[in-house]
Amino acid sequence: MIATKQKRTAGAAGDSGWENARARRGAAVGFAAALACSLSGCGADYASSDPVFPGDFQARHPIALAFAPTSLEVFPVGGALDSRTIANLRAFAERYRELGSGQILIVTPSRQGSEARAVNQIRRTLAAAGLDRRVSVASYAPYGRESAPPIRVAFVSLKAEVRTPCGLWPEDLASGSSLEGWKNEPYANFGCATQSVMAAQVDDPRDFVQPRALAPSDAAMRTRAIEDVRKGQDPGTAWKTDLIPIGGSGGGNAASGGGQ
């Protein structure tokens, strides 16, 4: 009997100790969860100052170099090419010599049969530029009901382009109820048009990634500057202008004439 009571007492003490340890462990876990919840905001939205995307428009809409088609649309006048079109073809051929590669493709409308004369003129113009062995002819089906489908001349060349599409407005700029309206950040479309225009207007796309080699220095200007230094004179260039301000020339005469 006594042994049984002692065994029950020890068991009860062990159970209560285990209960206390479990309670302490649960309290520690709850405290850690509360601390993590307070640090993370419990998943609630808040106006963070961290940028969602790059703030610099050059990093958001970068200009990249890629091999893409360069094309010229030719519209024959009376079945032949005029002087303006021939000049454009010569510039087109010069562009190919600078940055183009592969074949030059002349693509004609498939349902038009009167472009043979214009195609021959295009071939002769390109042959005069030394590109006669790189020209091939194909056809295409005009899209829809084009009244005057052009003859397209194209080749693959190195081009600068902006890969991100412009004109996207994923956020409401005037929103006061969302987090986007409270952040002092440029909007997503900012700078996209500027980057696209620069990519389209650059003469050599490689200028975006590396500078050109320096040209030889002007020997005459260098010699003049050295001689001036030897003579103890100022080697700088003195620019002389005899310009009269517009306001001073017209206004003075008008004032003197009014006084008479």
Protein backbone atom coordinates (compact mmCIF):
# COMPACT_ATOMS: atom_id res chain seq x y z
CA MET A 1 0.00 0.00 0.00
CA ILE A 2 2.75 2.44 1.03
CA ALA A 3 4.80 1.59 -2.04
CA THR A 4 1.79 2.07 -4.28
CA LYS A 5 1.06 5.51 -2.76
CA GLN A 6 4.69 6.58 -3.20
CA LYS A 7 4.61 5.43 -6.81
CA ARG A 8 1.40 7.39 -7.45
CA THR A 9 2.87 10.47 -5.76
CA ALA A 10 6.00 10.30 -7.89
CA GLY A 11 3.90 9.84 -11.03
CA ALA A 12 1.78 12.85 -10.18
CA ALA A 13 4.89 14.94 -9.52
CA GLY A 14 6.35 13.86 -12.85
CA ASP A 15 3.16 14.70 -14.70
CA SER A 16 2.97 18.14 -13.12
CA GLY A 17 6.61 18.79 -14.03
CA TRP A 18 5.98 17.79 -17.61
CA GLU A 19 2.90 20.04 -17.68
CA ASN A 20 4.97 22.97 -16.40
CA ALA A 21 7.71 22.36 -18.97
CA ARG A 22 5.15 22.21 -21.75
CA ALA A 23 3.56 25.44 -20.54
CA ARG A 24 6.94 27.19 -20.42
CA ARG A 25 7.75 25.93 -23.94
CA GLY A 26 4.38 27.15 -25.23
CA ALA A 27 4.94 30.55 -23.65
CA ALA A 28 8.38 30.82 -25.29
CA VAL A 29 6.95 29.87 -28.69
CA GLY A 30 4.13 32.37 -28.26
CA PHE A 31 6.59 35.13 -27.33
CA ALA A 32 8.76 34.37 -30.37
CA ALA A 33 5.69 34.40 -32.62
CA ALA A 34 4.55 37.71 -31.12
CA LEU A 35 8.00 39.21 -31.62
CA ALA A 36 8.17 38.02 -35.25
CA CYS A 37 4.64 39.32 -35.82
CA SER A 38 5.55 42.75 -34.45
CA LEU A 39 8.67 42.94 -36.61
CA SER A 40 6.96 41.82 -39.80
CA GLY A 41 3.77 43.78 -39.26
CA CYS A 42 1.75 40.53 -39.20
CA GLY A 43 1.55 40.63 -43.01
CA ALA A 44 -0.25 43.98 -43.01
CA ASP A 45 0.40 46.45 -45.84
CA TYR A 46 2.34 49.56 -44.96
CA ALA A 47 3.88 52.41 -46.95
CA SER A 48 7.41 51.11 -47.35
CA SER A 49 10.10 53.37 -48.78
CA ASP A 50 11.81 50.46 -50.53
CA PRO A 51 11.53 50.83 -54.34
CA VAL A 52 9.55 48.14 -56.11
CA PHE A 53 11.51 48.61 -59.37
CA PRO A 54 14.68 50.54 -60.29
CA GLY A 55 14.21 54.26 -59.81
CA ASP A 56 16.50 55.19 -62.69
CA PHE A 57 14.64 55.11 -66.00
CA GLN A 58 17.81 53.96 -67.76
CA ALA A 59 17.81 50.84 -65.58
CA ARG A 60 14.04 50.37 -65.91
CA HIS A 61 13.98 50.81 -69.71
CA PRO A 62 17.50 49.89 -70.81
CA ILE A 63 18.67 50.22 -74.41
CA ALA A 64 19.90 46.87 -75.70
CA LEU A 65 21.71 45.86 -78.88
CA ALA A 66 20.17 43.13 -80.99
CA PHE A 67 20.14 41.81 -84.52
CA ALA A 68 16.80 42.80 -86.04
CA PRO A 69 15.39 43.45 -89.52
CA THR A 70 15.99 46.80 -91.15
CA SER A 71 13.48 47.44 -93.91
CA LEU A 72 12.64 50.05 -96.53
CA GLU A 73 9.22 50.30 -98.15
CA VAL A 74 9.33 51.20 -101.84
CA PHE A 75 6.28 52.67 -103.58
CA PRO A 76 6.81 52.71 -107.35
CA VAL A 77 5.36 55.68 -109.19
CA GLY A 78 3.91 54.54 -112.51
CA GLY A 79 5.63 51.18 -112.12
CA ALA A 80 9.10 52.73 -111.81
CA LEU A 81 11.28 54.37 -109.16
CA ASP A 82 11.70 58.12 -108.92
CA SER A 83 14.83 59.98 -107.86
CA ARG A 84 13.73 60.19 -104.24
CA THR A 85 13.30 56.41 -103.94
CA ILE A 86 16.64 55.77 -105.65
CA ALA A 87 18.36 58.09 -103.15
CA ASN A 88 16.72 56.20 -100.28
CA LEU A 89 17.93 52.90 -101.74
CA ARG A 90 21.49 54.21 -101.94
CA ALA A 91 21.36 55.24 -98.29
CA PHE A 92 19.83 51.84 -97.50
CA ALA A 93 22.75 50.10 -99.25
CA GLU A 94 25.25 52.24 -97.34
CA ARG A 95 23.56 51.24 -94.10
CA TYR A 96 23.96 47.61 -95.05
CA ARG A 97 27.65 48.07 -95.74
CA GLU A 98 28.09 49.55 -92.25
CA LEU A 99 26.00 47.28 -90.01
CA GLY A 100 24.19 44.70 -92.18
CA SER A 101 24.83 41.01 -92.71
CA GLY A 102 23.39 38.15 -94.73
CA GLN A 103 21.06 38.44 -97.69
CA ILE A 104 19.15 41.51 -98.85
CA LEU A 105 15.59 40.42 -99.51
CA ILE A 106 13.26 42.13 -101.99
CA VAL A 107 9.72 41.14 -101.08
CA THR A 108 6.96 41.92 -103.59
CA PRO A 109 3.17 41.72 -103.18
CA SER A 110 2.05 38.32 -104.38
CA ARG A 111 -1.09 39.56 -106.10
CA GLN A 112 0.64 42.38 -107.95
CA GLY A 113 2.21 41.67 -111.34
CA SER A 114 3.32 45.14 -112.36
CA GLU A 115 6.36 45.48 -110.07
CA ALA A 116 8.90 43.71 -112.31
CA ARG A 117 10.27 47.00 -113.63
CA ALA A 118 10.64 48.42 -110.13
CA VAL A 119 12.33 45.25 -108.88
CA ASN A 120 14.87 45.46 -111.71
CA GLN A 121 15.62 49.06 -110.79
CA ILE A 122 16.08 48.08 -107.15
CA ARG A 123 18.49 45.32 -108.14
CA ARG A 124 20.48 47.67 -110.37
CA THR A 125 20.70 50.31 -107.63
CA LEU A 126 21.95 47.76 -105.12
CA ALA A 127 24.35 46.28 -107.68
CA ALA A 128 25.84 49.74 -108.26
CA ALA A 129 26.66 49.77 -104.54
CA GLY A 130 28.46 46.42 -104.87
CA LEU A 131 25.68 44.29 -103.36
CA ASP A 132 24.48 42.42 -106.45
CA ARG A 133 25.49 38.97 -105.10
CA ARG A 134 23.57 39.40 -101.85
CA VAL A 135 20.12 40.13 -103.28
CA SER A 136 17.24 37.65 -103.45
CA VAL A 137 13.56 38.09 -104.32
CA ALA A 138 10.48 36.71 -102.55
CA SER A 139 6.78 37.56 -102.27
CA TYR A 140 4.26 38.20 -99.51
CA ALA A 141 0.51 38.36 -99.19
CA PRO A 142 -0.68 41.91 -98.49
CA TYR A 143 -2.44 42.37 -95.18
CA GLY A 144 -6.14 43.06 -95.52
CA ARG A 145 -7.11 45.23 -98.46
CA GLU A 146 -4.08 47.44 -98.94
CA SER A 147 -4.76 49.75 -101.87
CA ALA A 148 -1.06 50.29 -102.56
CA PRO A 149 1.02 47.45 -101.05
CA PRO A 150 4.70 48.39 -101.09
CA ILE A 151 7.76 46.50 -102.22
CA ARG A 152 9.80 45.82 -99.09
CA VAL A 153 13.58 45.64 -99.09
CA ALA A 154 15.06 44.25 -95.87
CA PHE A 155 18.19 42.86 -94.26
CA VAL A 156 19.31 41.92 -90.75
CA SER A 157 21.49 44.44 -88.96
CA LEU A 158 22.65 45.49 -85.53
CA LYS A 159 20.05 47.76 -83.98
CA ALA A 160 19.45 49.51 -80.68
CA GLU A 161 16.05 48.94 -79.14
CA VAL A 162 14.17 49.15 -75.86
CA ARG A 163 12.83 45.73 -74.89
CA THR A 164 10.28 46.97 -72.36
CA PRO A 165 6.96 48.07 -73.92
CA CYS A 166 5.98 51.71 -73.56
CA GLY A 167 2.53 52.98 -72.67
CA LEU A 168 1.90 50.66 -69.72
CA TRP A 169 0.26 52.19 -66.65
CA PRO A 170 0.01 49.44 -64.02
CA GLU A 171 -0.59 51.87 -61.16
CA ASP A 172 -2.96 54.73 -60.46
CA LEU A 173 -0.79 57.84 -60.14
CA ALA A 174 -3.51 59.84 -58.37
CA SER A 175 -4.56 57.13 -55.95
CA GLY A 176 -4.66 58.11 -52.31
CA SER A 177 -6.15 54.89 -51.04
CA SER A 178 -3.37 52.56 -52.25
CA LEU A 179 0.27 52.32 -51.27
CA GLU A 180 1.47 53.29 -54.76
CA GLY A 181 0.00 56.77 -54.37
CA TRP A 182 2.05 57.42 -51.24
CA LYS A 183 5.46 56.41 -52.56
CA ASN A 184 7.74 59.09 -53.91
CA GLU A 185 8.87 57.10 -56.95
CA PRO A 186 8.85 57.65 -60.72
CA TYR A 187 5.94 55.99 -62.45
CA ALA A 188 6.55 52.79 -64.43
CA ASN A 189 6.29 54.40 -67.88
CA PHE A 190 8.64 57.28 -67.04
CA GLY A 191 11.53 57.59 -69.53
CA CYS A 192 10.35 54.82 -71.87
CA ALA A 193 9.57 57.15 -74.79
CA THR A 194 12.85 59.03 -74.37
CA GLN A 195 14.87 55.82 -74.41
CA SER A 196 12.99 54.55 -77.47
CA VAL A 197 13.56 57.77 -79.41
CA MET A 198 17.27 57.75 -78.58
CA ALA A 199 17.56 54.13 -79.70
CA ALA A 200 15.82 54.94 -82.99
CA GLN A 201 17.87 58.06 -83.76
CA VAL A 202 21.39 56.85 -82.98
CA ASP A 203 23.59 56.46 -86.05
CA ASP A 204 25.72 53.63 -84.72
CA PRO A 205 24.13 51.44 -81.99
CA ARG A 206 27.56 50.50 -80.69
CA ASP A 207 27.93 54.04 -79.34
CA PHE A 208 25.68 53.00 -76.43
CA VAL A 209 28.14 50.40 -75.17
CA GLN A 210 31.59 51.67 -76.13
CA PRO A 211 33.19 54.94 -77.28
CA ARG A 212 34.78 55.42 -80.65
CA ALA A 213 38.54 55.57 -81.11
CA LEU A 214 40.07 59.02 -80.84
CA ALA A 215 40.89 60.73 -84.10
CA PRO A 216 44.42 62.08 -84.71
CA SER A 217 45.09 65.43 -83.09
CA ASP A 218 45.24 68.62 -85.12
CA ALA A 219 48.97 69.11 -85.76
CA ALA A 220 48.56 72.74 -86.80
CA MET A 221 46.70 73.70 -83.64
CA ARG A 222 49.19 71.83 -81.46
CA THR A 223 52.16 73.53 -83.14
CA ARG A 224 50.57 76.98 -82.76
CA ALA A 225 49.92 76.42 -79.05
CA ILE A 226 53.49 75.21 -78.44
CA GLU A 227 54.95 78.22 -80.28
CA ASP A 228 52.80 80.62 -78.23
CA VAL A 229 54.03 79.02 -75.01
CA ARG A 230 57.64 79.35 -76.16
CA LYS A 231 57.08 83.06 -76.88
CA GLY A 232 55.49 83.59 -73.48
CA GLN A 233 52.05 84.22 -74.98
CA ASP A 234 48.66 82.86 -74.04
CA PRO A 235 48.10 79.64 -76.04
CA GLY A 236 44.33 79.97 -75.77
CA THR A 237 42.11 80.92 -78.68
CA ALA A 238 40.55 84.39 -78.58
CA TRP A 239 37.18 84.34 -80.32
CA LYS A 240 36.02 87.74 -81.56
CA THR A 241 32.35 88.39 -82.26
CA ASP A 242 30.80 91.59 -83.59
CA LEU A 243 27.21 90.74 -82.86
CA ILE A 244 24.72 93.43 -81.93
CA PRO A 245 21.98 92.49 -79.47
CA ILE A 246 18.54 92.42 -81.07
CA GLY A 247 16.98 94.51 -78.33
CA GLY A 248 19.67 97.16 -78.56
CA SER A 249 19.52 97.66 -82.34
CA GLY A 250 15.78 97.92 -82.99
CA GLY A 251 14.74 99.50 -79.73
CA GLY A 252 17.30 102.33 -79.85
CA ASN A 253 16.33 103.49 -83.32
CA ALA A 254 12.67 103.33 -82.47
CA ALA A 255 13.23 105.40 -79.35
CA SER A 256 15.28 108.04 -81.21
CA GLY A 257 12.74 108.20 -84.01
CA GLY A 258 9.92 108.69 -81.55
CA GLY A 259 11.80 111.55 -79.90
CA GLN A 260 12.07 113.44 -83.18
